[in-house]
Amino acid sequence: SQNPYSQPIWVSNQLANDSTQRRSGVIAWPGSNVPINGHLPIKYEAFESDRSFDSILKQIFAWFREPIDTRINFGAIYHSQPDATGHAYGPISSQMNETLQECD
């Protein structure tokens, strides 16, 4: 069962006092597509393992640029890099250096 006193920050954002102005957008964050204490982010997209970081950034920025009555004021994203490369090759590896340069 869910703890009614614990919730993701995107839920807290939407339940704030001026909640009509607070909309959360979440992309690929684990659990963001599951209601927490009855709430989902206003905008969300599930994790896709083959989705590029660039695609995720373009979408979250697009949500921030929407008209005032639909735009988000809080965004959260998840991407598997550089974490996956670090686990596969170690933090001090040429692969990790390449991945960090790509992410930057």
Protein backbone atom coordinates (compact mmCIF):
# COMPACT_ATOMS: atom_id res chain seq x y z
CA SER A 1 0.00 0.00 0.00
CA GLN A 2 1.09 3.57 -0.62
CA ASN A 3 2.22 5.87 2.14
CA PRO A 4 -0.22 8.82 2.15
CA TYR A 5 2.50 11.08 3.59
CA SER A 6 5.06 10.37 0.89
CA GLN A 7 4.75 11.46 -2.71
CA PRO A 8 6.90 12.42 -5.69
CA ILE A 9 7.79 16.06 -6.09
CA TRP A 10 5.59 16.32 -9.20
CA VAL A 11 2.55 15.46 -7.10
CA SER A 12 3.56 18.00 -4.44
CA ASN A 13 3.93 20.63 -7.16
CA GLN A 14 0.42 20.05 -8.45
CA LEU A 15 -1.14 20.01 -4.99
CA ALA A 16 0.44 23.30 -3.89
CA ASN A 17 -1.87 26.10 -2.78
CA ASP A 18 -2.09 27.72 -6.20
CA SER A 19 -2.55 24.35 -7.90
CA THR A 20 -4.42 25.80 -10.88
CA GLN A 21 -1.10 27.29 -12.00
CA ARG A 22 1.04 24.24 -11.22
CA ARG A 23 1.44 21.51 -13.79
CA SER A 24 4.09 18.82 -13.76
CA GLY A 25 5.60 17.16 -16.79
CA VAL A 26 7.58 13.96 -16.39
CA ILE A 27 9.34 11.90 -19.04
CA ALA A 28 10.66 8.39 -18.51
CA TRP A 29 10.84 8.67 -14.72
CA PRO A 30 10.20 5.30 -13.10
CA GLY A 31 6.69 5.22 -11.68
CA SER A 32 5.53 8.48 -13.26
CA ASN A 33 2.82 6.65 -15.20
CA VAL A 34 1.32 5.16 -12.03
CA PRO A 35 -1.08 7.18 -9.87
CA ILE A 36 0.50 8.11 -6.53
CA ASN A 37 -2.12 8.78 -3.88
CA GLY A 38 -4.53 9.19 -6.80
CA HIS A 39 -2.41 11.65 -8.80
CA LEU A 40 -0.46 11.53 -12.04
CA PRO A 41 1.67 14.28 -13.56
CA ILE A 42 -0.42 16.49 -15.86
CA LYS A 43 1.86 15.46 -18.73
CA TYR A 44 3.93 12.31 -18.79
CA GLU A 45 5.54 9.88 -21.17
CA ALA A 46 6.67 6.40 -20.21
CA PHE A 47 10.25 5.16 -20.40
CA GLU A 48 11.43 3.95 -23.80
CA SER A 49 14.85 2.32 -23.72
CA ASP A 50 15.75 3.43 -27.25
CA ARG A 51 14.65 7.06 -26.88
CA SER A 52 17.42 9.59 -27.39
CA PHE A 53 18.36 12.15 -24.79
CA ASP A 54 17.88 14.87 -27.41
CA SER A 55 14.30 13.72 -28.01
CA ILE A 56 13.54 13.80 -24.28
CA LEU A 57 14.96 17.31 -23.92
CA LYS A 58 13.04 18.61 -26.94
CA GLN A 59 9.77 17.32 -25.48
CA ILE A 60 10.26 18.69 -21.96
CA PHE A 61 11.28 22.09 -23.35
CA ALA A 62 8.22 22.07 -25.63
CA TRP A 63 5.98 21.55 -22.60
CA PHE A 64 7.60 24.56 -20.90
CA ARG A 65 6.91 26.69 -24.00
CA GLU A 66 3.22 25.85 -24.33
CA PRO A 67 0.56 28.54 -23.78
CA ILE A 68 0.22 29.65 -20.16
CA ASP A 69 -2.96 27.64 -19.55
CA THR A 70 -1.32 24.32 -20.49
CA ARG A 71 2.42 24.79 -19.89
CA ILE A 72 4.21 22.99 -17.11
CA ASN A 73 6.02 24.79 -14.31
CA PHE A 74 7.94 21.70 -13.15
CA GLY A 75 9.65 19.10 -15.32
CA ALA A 76 11.51 15.91 -14.52
CA ILE A 77 13.29 13.61 -16.92
CA TYR A 78 15.20 10.37 -16.71
CA HIS A 79 17.74 9.05 -19.16
CA SER A 80 19.84 5.95 -18.70
CA GLN A 81 23.12 7.68 -19.49
CA PRO A 82 25.72 8.09 -18.13
CA ASP A 83 24.60 5.61 -15.47
CA ALA A 84 24.40 2.59 -17.79
CA THR A 85 27.86 3.19 -19.24
CA GLY A 86 29.33 3.68 -15.79
CA HIS A 87 27.95 0.34 -14.63
CA ALA A 88 29.06 -1.45 -17.79
CA TYR A 89 32.58 -0.04 -18.15
CA GLY A 90 33.40 1.70 -14.89
CA PRO A 91 33.63 5.37 -14.00
CA ILE A 92 37.19 5.74 -15.27
CA SER A 93 36.99 4.36 -18.79
CA SER A 94 37.22 5.69 -22.32
CA GLN A 95 33.59 4.68 -22.88
CA MET A 96 32.52 6.77 -19.89
CA ASN A 97 34.51 9.75 -21.15
CA GLU A 98 32.79 9.47 -24.54
CA THR A 99 29.35 9.18 -22.94
CA LEU A 100 29.95 12.19 -20.71
CA GLN A 101 30.98 14.24 -23.74
CA GLU A 102 27.82 13.18 -25.57
CA CYS A 103 25.63 14.09 -22.58
CA ASP A 104 27.33 17.44 -22.17
